PDB file of all heavy atoms in Angstrom:
ATOM      1  N   ARG A   1    -234.563-176.654-299.379  1.00  0.00           N
ATOM      2  CA  ARG A   1    -235.871-176.999-299.933  1.00  0.00           C
ATOM      3  C   ARG A   1    -236.349-175.930-300.906  1.00  0.00           C
ATOM      4  O   ARG A   1    -237.551-175.778-301.117  1.00  0.00           O
ATOM      5  CB  ARG A   1    -236.879-177.190-298.810  1.00  0.00           C
ATOM      6  CG  ARG A   1    -236.531-178.352-297.922  1.00  0.00           C
ATOM      7  CD  ARG A   1    -237.552-178.485-296.823  1.00  0.00           C
ATOM      8  NE  ARG A   1    -237.125-179.501-295.885  1.00  0.00           N
ATOM      9  CZ  ARG A   1    -237.679-180.695-295.785  1.00  0.00           C
ATOM     10  NH1 ARG A   1    -238.663-181.029-296.561  1.00  0.00           N
ATOM     11  NH2 ARG A   1    -237.248-181.548-294.894  1.00  0.00           N
ATOM     12  N   GLY A   2    -235.444-175.158-301.462  1.00  0.00           N
ATOM     13  CA  GLY A   2    -235.818-174.134-302.427  1.00  0.00           C
ATOM     14  C   GLY A   2    -236.271-172.836-301.795  1.00  0.00           C
ATOM     15  O   GLY A   2    -236.863-171.997-302.462  1.00  0.00           O
ATOM     16  N   GLY A   3    -235.984-172.649-300.524  1.00  0.00           N
ATOM     17  CA  GLY A   3    -236.387-171.429-299.826  1.00  0.00           C
ATOM     18  C   GLY A   3    -235.449-170.268-300.101  1.00  0.00           C
ATOM     19  O   GLY A   3    -234.414-170.398-300.744  1.00  0.00           O
ATOM     20  N   THR A   4    -235.820-169.134-299.577  1.00  0.00           N
ATOM     21  CA  THR A   4    -235.074-167.899-299.779  1.00  0.00           C
ATOM     22  C   THR A   4    -233.740-167.922-299.047  1.00  0.00           C
ATOM     23  O   THR A   4    -233.647-168.389-297.920  1.00  0.00           O
ATOM     24  CB  THR A   4    -235.909-166.706-299.283  1.00  0.00           C
ATOM     25  OG1 THR A   4    -237.117-166.658-300.037  1.00  0.00           O
ATOM     26  CG2 THR A   4    -235.170-165.402-299.438  1.00  0.00           C
ATOM     27  N   VAL A   5    -232.722-167.382-299.715  1.00  0.00           N
ATOM     28  CA  VAL A   5    -231.410-167.167-299.120  1.00  0.00           C
ATOM     29  C   VAL A   5    -231.122-165.668-299.222  1.00  0.00           C
ATOM     30  O   VAL A   5    -231.263-165.079-300.287  1.00  0.00           O
ATOM     31  CB  VAL A   5    -230.305-167.959-299.860  1.00  0.00           C
ATOM     32  CG1 VAL A   5    -228.934-167.647-299.282  1.00  0.00           C
ATOM     33  CG2 VAL A   5    -230.594-169.446-299.821  1.00  0.00           C
ATOM     34  N   THR A   6    -230.744-165.072-298.107  1.00  0.00           N
ATOM     35  CA  THR A   6    -230.461-163.637-298.067  1.00  0.00           C
ATOM     36  C   THR A   6    -229.123-163.406-297.389  1.00  0.00           C
ATOM     37  O   THR A   6    -228.844-163.993-296.354  1.00  0.00           O
ATOM     38  CB  THR A   6    -231.554-162.900-297.258  1.00  0.00           C
ATOM     39  OG1 THR A   6    -232.822-163.150-297.853  1.00  0.00           O
ATOM     40  CG2 THR A   6    -231.296-161.407-297.231  1.00  0.00           C
ATOM     41  N   THR A   7    -228.309-162.546-297.981  1.00  0.00           N
ATOM     42  CA  THR A   7    -227.049-162.153-297.364  1.00  0.00           C
ATOM     43  C   THR A   7    -226.959-160.630-297.381  1.00  0.00           C
ATOM     44  O   THR A   7    -227.243-159.998-298.396  1.00  0.00           O
ATOM     45  CB  THR A   7    -225.835-162.731-298.120  1.00  0.00           C
ATOM     46  OG1 THR A   7    -225.962-164.136-298.202  1.00  0.00           O
ATOM     47  CG2 THR A   7    -224.537-162.385-297.421  1.00  0.00           C
ATOM     48  N   GLN A   8    -226.567-160.071-296.248  1.00  0.00           N
ATOM     49  CA  GLN A   8    -226.348-158.635-296.135  1.00  0.00           C
ATOM     50  C   GLN A   8    -224.862-158.408-295.910  1.00  0.00           C
ATOM     51  O   GLN A   8    -224.263-159.051-295.042  1.00  0.00           O
ATOM     52  CB  GLN A   8    -227.149-158.068-294.969  1.00  0.00           C
ATOM     53  CG  GLN A   8    -228.635-158.246-295.133  1.00  0.00           C
ATOM     54  CD  GLN A   8    -229.424-157.675-293.964  1.00  0.00           C
ATOM     55  OE1 GLN A   8    -228.884-157.245-292.959  1.00  0.00           O
ATOM     56  NE2 GLN A   8    -230.735-157.657-294.111  1.00  0.00           N
ATOM     57  N   ILE A   9    -224.280-157.506-296.701  1.00  0.00           N
ATOM     58  CA  ILE A   9    -222.860-157.185-296.572  1.00  0.00           C
ATOM     59  C   ILE A   9    -222.727-155.675-296.413  1.00  0.00           C
ATOM     60  O   ILE A   9    -223.211-154.910-297.251  1.00  0.00           O
ATOM     61  CB  ILE A   9    -222.051-157.630-297.815  1.00  0.00           C
ATOM     62  CG1 ILE A   9    -222.256-159.109-298.096  1.00  0.00           C
ATOM     63  CG2 ILE A   9    -220.572-157.304-297.630  1.00  0.00           C
ATOM     64  CD1 ILE A   9    -221.677-159.555-299.436  1.00  0.00           C
ATOM     65  N   CYS A  10    -222.076-155.268-295.351  1.00  0.00           N
ATOM     66  CA  CYS A  10    -221.800-153.848-295.130  1.00  0.00           C
ATOM     67  C   CYS A  10    -220.299-153.628-295.226  1.00  0.00           C
ATOM     68  O   CYS A  10    -219.512-154.349-294.605  1.00  0.00           O
ATOM     69  CB  CYS A  10    -222.327-153.402-293.776  1.00  0.00           C
ATOM     70  SG  CYS A  10    -224.124-153.512-293.665  1.00  0.00           S
ATOM     71  N   VAL A  11    -219.915-152.634-296.007  1.00  0.00           N
ATOM     72  CA  VAL A  11    -218.510-152.338-296.281  1.00  0.00           C
ATOM     73  C   VAL A  11    -218.245-150.865-295.977  1.00  0.00           C
ATOM     74  O   VAL A  11    -218.959-149.992-296.476  1.00  0.00           O
ATOM     75  CB  VAL A  11    -218.170-152.623-297.769  1.00  0.00           C
ATOM     76  CG1 VAL A  11    -216.728-152.261-298.070  1.00  0.00           C
ATOM     77  CG2 VAL A  11    -218.478-154.060-298.136  1.00  0.00           C
ATOM     78  N   ALA A  12    -217.241-150.590-295.152  1.00  0.00           N
ATOM     79  CA  ALA A  12    -216.866-149.206-294.830  1.00  0.00           C
ATOM     80  C   ALA A  12    -215.490-149.222-294.180  1.00  0.00           C
ATOM     81  O   ALA A  12    -214.879-150.276-294.011  1.00  0.00           O
ATOM     82  CB  ALA A  12    -217.900-148.567-293.913  1.00  0.00           C
ATOM     83  N   GLU A  13    -215.018-148.053-293.793  1.00  0.00           N
ATOM     84  CA  GLU A  13    -213.761-147.995-293.049  1.00  0.00           C
ATOM     85  C   GLU A  13    -213.919-148.720-291.719  1.00  0.00           C
ATOM     86  O   GLU A  13    -213.028-149.418-291.265  1.00  0.00           O
ATOM     87  CB  GLU A  13    -213.332-146.549-292.829  1.00  0.00           C
ATOM     88  CG  GLU A  13    -212.942-145.815-294.100  1.00  0.00           C
ATOM     89  CD  GLU A  13    -211.822-146.499-294.868  1.00  0.00           C
ATOM     90  OE1 GLU A  13    -210.831-146.943-294.251  1.00  0.00           O
ATOM     91  OE2 GLU A  13    -211.944-146.597-296.106  1.00  0.00           O
ATOM     92  N   LYS A  14    -215.089-148.548-291.087  1.00  0.00           N
ATOM     93  CA  LYS A  14    -215.416-149.254-289.853  1.00  0.00           C
ATOM     94  C   LYS A  14    -216.899-149.600-289.899  1.00  0.00           C
ATOM     95  O   LYS A  14    -217.738-148.720-290.063  1.00  0.00           O
ATOM     96  CB  LYS A  14    -215.106-148.393-288.617  1.00  0.00           C
ATOM     97  CG  LYS A  14    -215.369-149.096-287.313  1.00  0.00           C
ATOM     98  CD  LYS A  14    -214.454-150.291-287.126  1.00  0.00           C
ATOM     99  CE  LYS A  14    -214.735-151.016-285.833  1.00  0.00           C
ATOM    100  NZ  LYS A  14    -214.313-152.407-285.879  1.00  0.00           N
ATOM    101  N   VAL A  15    -217.204-150.883-289.774  1.00  0.00           N
ATOM    102  CA  VAL A  15    -218.588-151.353-289.803  1.00  0.00           C
ATOM    103  C   VAL A  15    -218.932-151.879-288.411  1.00  0.00           C
ATOM    104  O   VAL A  15    -218.205-152.683-287.851  1.00  0.00           O
ATOM    105  CB  VAL A  15    -218.786-152.478-290.846  1.00  0.00           C
ATOM    106  CG1 VAL A  15    -220.221-152.979-290.825  1.00  0.00           C
ATOM    107  CG2 VAL A  15    -218.398-152.003-292.238  1.00  0.00           C
ATOM    108  N   TYR A  16    -220.050-151.428-287.890  1.00  0.00           N
ATOM    109  CA  TYR A  16    -220.466-151.847-286.553  1.00  0.00           C
ATOM    110  C   TYR A  16    -221.545-152.925-286.587  1.00  0.00           C
ATOM    111  O   TYR A  16    -221.725-153.625-285.600  1.00  0.00           O
ATOM    112  CB  TYR A  16    -220.943-150.632-285.749  1.00  0.00           C
ATOM    113  CG  TYR A  16    -219.820-149.642-285.535  1.00  0.00           C
ATOM    114  CD1 TYR A  16    -219.671-148.537-286.356  1.00  0.00           C
ATOM    115  CD2 TYR A  16    -218.879-149.849-284.529  1.00  0.00           C
ATOM    116  CE1 TYR A  16    -218.625-147.645-286.174  1.00  0.00           C
ATOM    117  CE2 TYR A  16    -217.827-148.954-284.336  1.00  0.00           C
ATOM    118  CZ  TYR A  16    -217.705-147.868-285.159  1.00  0.00           C
ATOM    119  OH  TYR A  16    -216.663-146.991-284.986  1.00  0.00           O
ATOM    120  N   SER A  17    -222.246-153.036-287.703  1.00  0.00           N
ATOM    121  CA  SER A  17    -223.322-154.019-287.789  1.00  0.00           C
ATOM    122  C   SER A  17    -223.522-154.451-289.240  1.00  0.00           C
ATOM    123  O   SER A  17    -223.407-153.620-290.147  1.00  0.00           O
ATOM    124  CB  SER A  17    -224.622-153.415-287.251  1.00  0.00           C
ATOM    125  OG  SER A  17    -225.716-154.252-287.539  1.00  0.00           O
ATOM    126  N   PRO A  18    -223.847-155.717-289.471  1.00  0.00           N
ATOM    127  CA  PRO A  18    -224.117-156.168-290.835  1.00  0.00           C
ATOM    128  C   PRO A  18    -225.575-155.972-291.254  1.00  0.00           C
ATOM    129  O   PRO A  18    -225.954-156.339-292.356  1.00  0.00           O
ATOM    130  CB  PRO A  18    -223.788-157.662-290.750  1.00  0.00           C
ATOM    131  CG  PRO A  18    -224.178-158.035-289.366  1.00  0.00           C
ATOM    132  CD  PRO A  18    -223.825-156.825-288.524  1.00  0.00           C
ATOM    133  N   VAL A  19    -226.375-155.382-290.399  1.00  0.00           N
ATOM    134  CA  VAL A  19    -227.811-155.283-290.659  1.00  0.00           C
ATOM    135  C   VAL A  19    -228.107-154.111-291.590  1.00  0.00           C
ATOM    136  O   VAL A  19    -227.656-152.987-291.367  1.00  0.00           O
ATOM    137  CB  VAL A  19    -228.597-155.131-289.343  1.00  0.00           C
ATOM    138  CG1 VAL A  19    -230.083-154.949-289.616  1.00  0.00           C
ATOM    139  CG2 VAL A  19    -228.354-156.343-288.455  1.00  0.00           C
ATOM    140  N   ILE A  20    -228.873-154.400-292.631  1.00  0.00           N
ATOM    141  CA  ILE A  20    -229.318-153.385-293.580  1.00  0.00           C
ATOM    142  C   ILE A  20    -230.813-153.181-293.363  1.00  0.00           C
ATOM    143  O   ILE A  20    -231.595-154.125-293.464  1.00  0.00           O
ATOM    144  CB  ILE A  20    -229.037-153.825-295.031  1.00  0.00           C
ATOM    145  CG1 ILE A  20    -227.528-154.006-295.248  1.00  0.00           C
ATOM    146  CG2 ILE A  20    -229.615-152.816-296.019  1.00  0.00           C
ATOM    147  CD1 ILE A  20    -227.157-154.608-296.592  1.00  0.00           C
ATOM    148  N   GLU A  21    -231.195-151.958-293.054  1.00  0.00           N
ATOM    149  CA  GLU A  21    -232.607-151.631-292.825  1.00  0.00           C
ATOM    150  C   GLU A  21    -233.277-151.295-294.157  1.00  0.00           C
ATOM    151  O   GLU A  21    -232.607-151.073-295.166  1.00  0.00           O
ATOM    152  CB  GLU A  21    -232.714-150.426-291.877  1.00  0.00           C
ATOM    153  CG  GLU A  21    -232.068-150.630-290.526  1.00  0.00           C
ATOM    154  CD  GLU A  21    -232.782-151.638-289.638  1.00  0.00           C
ATOM    155  OE1 GLU A  21    -233.992-151.882-289.860  1.00  0.00           O
ATOM    156  OE2 GLU A  21    -232.136-152.182-288.727  1.00  0.00           O
ATOM    157  N   ALA A  22    -234.593-151.225-294.141  1.00  0.00           N
ATOM    158  CA  ALA A  22    -235.358-150.870-295.337  1.00  0.00           C
ATOM    159  C   ALA A  22    -234.864-149.541-295.907  1.00  0.00           C
ATOM    160  O   ALA A  22    -234.630-148.590-295.165  1.00  0.00           O
ATOM    161  CB  ALA A  22    -236.843-150.789-294.993  1.00  0.00           C
ATOM    162  N   GLY A  23    -234.656-149.508-297.214  1.00  0.00           N
ATOM    163  CA  GLY A  23    -234.229-148.295-297.900  1.00  0.00           C
ATOM    164  C   GLY A  23    -232.753-147.976-297.800  1.00  0.00           C
ATOM    165  O   GLY A  23    -232.314-146.931-298.275  1.00  0.00           O
ATOM    166  N   GLU A  24    -231.941-148.859-297.203  1.00  0.00           N
ATOM    167  CA  GLU A  24    -230.516-148.562-296.996  1.00  0.00           C
ATOM    168  C   GLU A  24    -229.569-149.201-298.016  1.00  0.00           C
ATOM    169  O   GLU A  24    -228.457-148.719-298.196  1.00  0.00           O
ATOM    170  CB  GLU A  24    -230.080-149.024-295.609  1.00  0.00           C
ATOM    171  CG  GLU A  24    -230.567-148.163-294.485  1.00  0.00           C
ATOM    172  CD  GLU A  24    -229.968-148.573-293.145  1.00  0.00           C
ATOM    173  OE1 GLU A  24    -229.314-149.635-293.040  1.00  0.00           O
ATOM    174  OE2 GLU A  24    -230.139-147.804-292.194  1.00  0.00           O
ATOM    175  N   ALA A  25    -229.964-150.284-298.653  1.00  0.00           N
ATOM    176  CA  ALA A  25    -229.041-150.975-299.570  1.00  0.00           C
ATOM    177  C   ALA A  25    -228.798-150.126-300.813  1.00  0.00           C
ATOM    178  O   ALA A  25    -229.735-149.632-301.426  1.00  0.00           O
ATOM    179  CB  ALA A  25    -229.603-152.338-299.966  1.00  0.00           C
ATOM    180  N   ASP A  26    -227.539-149.930-301.148  1.00  0.00           N
ATOM    181  CA  ASP A  26    -227.248-149.213-302.395  1.00  0.00           C
ATOM    182  C   ASP A  26    -227.141-150.179-303.565  1.00  0.00           C
ATOM    183  O   ASP A  26    -227.247-149.779-304.715  1.00  0.00           O
ATOM    184  CB  ASP A  26    -225.973-148.375-302.272  1.00  0.00           C
ATOM    185  CG  ASP A  26    -224.777-149.195-301.869  1.00  0.00           C
ATOM    186  OD1 ASP A  26    -224.258-149.946-302.699  1.00  0.00           O
ATOM    187  OD2 ASP A  26    -224.369-149.076-300.692  1.00  0.00           O
ATOM    188  N   THR A  27    -226.956-151.486-303.270  1.00  0.00           N
ATOM    189  CA  THR A  27    -226.868-152.507-304.303  1.00  0.00           C
ATOM    190  C   THR A  27    -227.696-153.718-303.882  1.00  0.00           C
ATOM    191  O   THR A  27    -227.571-154.195-302.757  1.00  0.00           O
ATOM    192  CB  THR A  27    -225.402-152.956-304.518  1.00  0.00           C
ATOM    193  OG1 THR A  27    -224.605-151.813-304.843  1.00  0.00           O
ATOM    194  CG2 THR A  27    -225.298-153.979-305.641  1.00  0.00           C
ATOM    195  N   LEU A  28    -228.527-154.185-304.798  1.00  0.00           N
ATOM    196  CA  LEU A  28    -229.283-155.413-304.605  1.00  0.00           C
ATOM    197  C   LEU A  28    -228.937-156.344-305.761  1.00  0.00           C
ATOM    198  O   LEU A  28    -229.144-155.999-306.920  1.00  0.00           O
ATOM    199  CB  LEU A  28    -230.785-155.129-304.567  1.00  0.00           C
ATOM    200  CG  LEU A  28    -231.748-156.327-304.531  1.00  0.00           C
ATOM    201  CD1 LEU A  28    -231.460-157.253-303.361  1.00  0.00           C
ATOM    202  CD2 LEU A  28    -233.192-155.835-304.481  1.00  0.00           C
ATOM    203  N   LEU A  29    -228.359-157.487-305.419  1.00  0.00           N
ATOM    204  CA  LEU A  29    -228.005-158.505-306.407  1.00  0.00           C
ATOM    205  C   LEU A  29    -228.962-159.664-306.190  1.00  0.00           C
ATOM    206  O   LEU A  29    -228.940-160.305-305.133  1.00  0.00           O
ATOM    207  CB  LEU A  29    -226.554-158.948-306.217  1.00  0.00           C
ATOM    208  CG  LEU A  29    -225.990-159.960-307.205  1.00  0.00           C
ATOM    209  CD1 LEU A  29    -225.952-159.386-308.614  1.00  0.00           C
ATOM    210  CD2 LEU A  29    -224.583-160.379-306.782  1.00  0.00           C
ATOM    211  N   SER A  30    -229.836-159.918-307.171  1.00  0.00           N
ATOM    212  CA  SER A  30    -230.860-160.937-307.012  1.00  0.00           C
ATOM    213  C   SER A  30    -230.660-162.060-308.024  1.00  0.00           C
ATOM    214  O   SER A  30    -230.478-161.817-309.212  1.00  0.00           O
ATOM    215  CB  SER A  30    -232.258-160.333-307.186  1.00  0.00           C
ATOM    216  OG  SER A  30    -233.227-161.350-307.024  1.00  0.00           O
ATOM    217  N   PHE A  31    -230.784-163.273-307.532  1.00  0.00           N
ATOM    218  CA  PHE A  31    -230.556-164.459-308.341  1.00  0.00           C
ATOM    219  C   PHE A  31    -231.842-164.980-308.971  1.00  0.00           C
ATOM    220  O   PHE A  31    -231.834-165.965-309.693  1.00  0.00           O
ATOM    221  CB  PHE A  31    -229.894-165.541-307.481  1.00  0.00           C
ATOM    222  CG  PHE A  31    -228.511-165.169-307.068  1.00  0.00           C
ATOM    223  CD1 PHE A  31    -228.278-164.153-306.155  1.00  0.00           C
ATOM    224  CD2 PHE A  31    -227.416-165.819-307.621  1.00  0.00           C
ATOM    225  CE1 PHE A  31    -226.991-163.787-305.794  1.00  0.00           C
ATOM    226  CE2 PHE A  31    -226.127-165.459-307.257  1.00  0.00           C
ATOM    227  CZ  PHE A  31    -225.918-164.443-306.350  1.00  0.00           C
ATOM    228  N   GLU A  32    -232.972-164.302-308.685  1.00  0.00           N
ATOM    229  CA  GLU A  32    -234.276-164.722-309.211  1.00  0.00           C
ATOM    230  C   GLU A  32    -235.205-163.520-309.194  1.00  0.00           C
ATOM    231  O   GLU A  32    -235.107-162.658-308.317  1.00  0.00           O
ATOM    232  CB  GLU A  32    -234.821-165.858-308.339  1.00  0.00           C
ATOM    233  CG  GLU A  32    -235.990-166.633-308.921  1.00  0.00           C
ATOM    234  CD  GLU A  32    -237.352-166.027-308.640  1.00  0.00           C
ATOM    235  OE1 GLU A  32    -237.473-165.249-307.673  1.00  0.00           O
ATOM    236  OE2 GLU A  32    -238.294-166.337-309.377  1.00  0.00           O
ATOM    237  N   LEU A  33    -236.113-163.437-310.162  1.00  0.00           N
ATOM    238  CA  LEU A  33    -236.965-162.264-310.322  1.00  0.00           C
ATOM    239  C   LEU A  33    -237.849-161.970-309.112  1.00  0.00           C
ATOM    240  O   LEU A  33    -237.856-160.843-308.600  1.00  0.00           O
ATOM    241  CB  LEU A  33    -237.845-162.430-311.569  1.00  0.00           C
ATOM    242  CG  LEU A  33    -237.131-162.269-312.897  1.00  0.00           C
ATOM    243  CD1 LEU A  33    -237.966-162.852-314.025  1.00  0.00           C
ATOM    244  CD2 LEU A  33    -236.829-160.801-313.155  1.00  0.00           C
ATOM    245  N   LEU A  34    -238.617-162.944-308.655  1.00  0.00           N
ATOM    246  CA  LEU A  34    -239.542-162.699-307.550  1.00  0.00           C
ATOM    247  C   LEU A  34    -238.809-162.354-306.259  1.00  0.00           C
ATOM    248  O   LEU A  34    -239.282-161.526-305.476  1.00  0.00           O
ATOM    249  CB  LEU A  34    -240.465-163.911-307.332  1.00  0.00           C
ATOM    250  CG  LEU A  34    -241.596-163.721-306.329  1.00  0.00           C
ATOM    251  CD1 LEU A  34    -242.475-162.532-306.680  1.00  0.00           C
ATOM    252  CD2 LEU A  34    -242.438-165.000-306.246  1.00  0.00           C
ATOM    253  N   GLU A  35    -237.632-162.951-306.056  1.00  0.00           N
ATOM    254  CA  GLU A  35    -236.843-162.608-304.868  1.00  0.00           C
ATOM    255  C   GLU A  35    -236.418-161.135-304.915  1.00  0.00           C
ATOM    256  O   GLU A  35    -236.349-160.462-303.885  1.00  0.00           O
ATOM    257  CB  GLU A  35    -235.631-163.525-304.727  1.00  0.00           C
ATOM    258  CG  GLU A  35    -235.978-164.977-304.442  1.00  0.00           C
ATOM    259  CD  GLU A  35    -236.773-165.188-303.162  1.00  0.00           C
ATOM    260  OE1 GLU A  35    -236.612-164.415-302.196  1.00  0.00           O
ATOM    261  OE2 GLU A  35    -237.567-166.148-303.121  1.00  0.00           O
ATOM    262  N   ALA A  36    -236.149-160.621-306.117  1.00  0.00           N
ATOM    263  CA  ALA A  36    -235.821-159.195-306.247  1.00  0.00           C
ATOM    264  C   ALA A  36    -237.011-158.341-305.826  1.00  0.00           C
ATOM    265  O   ALA A  36    -236.864-157.362-305.089  1.00  0.00           O
ATOM    266  CB  ALA A  36    -235.423-158.877-307.689  1.00  0.00           C
ATOM    267  N   LYS A  37    -238.204-158.711-306.287  1.00  0.00           N
ATOM    268  CA  LYS A  37    -239.405-157.951-305.926  1.00  0.00           C
ATOM    269  C   LYS A  37    -239.645-157.994-304.419  1.00  0.00           C
ATOM    270  O   LYS A  37    -239.977-156.979-303.811  1.00  0.00           O
ATOM    271  CB  LYS A  37    -240.615-158.493-306.682  1.00  0.00           C
ATOM    272  CG  LYS A  37    -241.881-157.712-306.422  1.00  0.00           C
ATOM    273  CD  LYS A  37    -243.060-158.244-307.206  1.00  0.00           C
ATOM    274  CE  LYS A  37    -244.310-157.443-306.867  1.00  0.00           C
ATOM    275  NZ  LYS A  37    -245.493-157.974-307.538  1.00  0.00           N
ATOM    276  N   ARG A  38    -239.462-159.160-303.823  1.00  0.00           N
ATOM    277  CA  ARG A  38    -239.681-159.302-302.380  1.00  0.00           C
ATOM    278  C   ARG A  38    -238.722-158.446-301.563  1.00  0.00           C
ATOM    279  O   ARG A  38    -239.060-157.978-300.479  1.00  0.00           O
ATOM    280  CB  ARG A  38    -239.513-160.759-301.968  1.00  0.00           C
ATOM    281  CG  ARG A  38    -240.625-161.655-302.411  1.00  0.00           C
ATOM    282  CD  ARG A  38    -240.336-163.077-302.010  1.00  0.00           C
ATOM    283  NE  ARG A  38    -241.414-163.968-302.387  1.00  0.00           N
ATOM    284  CZ  ARG A  38    -241.303-165.283-302.457  1.00  0.00           C
ATOM    285  NH1 ARG A  38    -240.154-165.874-302.158  1.00  0.00           N
ATOM    286  NH2 ARG A  38    -242.331-166.023-302.807  1.00  0.00           N
TER     287      ARG A  38
END
């Protein structure tokens, strides 16, 4: 219905969780301007 879609990807030698906390993402790929701001 046009709602938000979010995917978190964690990449390392060993990853224990896919969860990205506030301030942790080194890359943000946004498909729309307002979604980037959010």
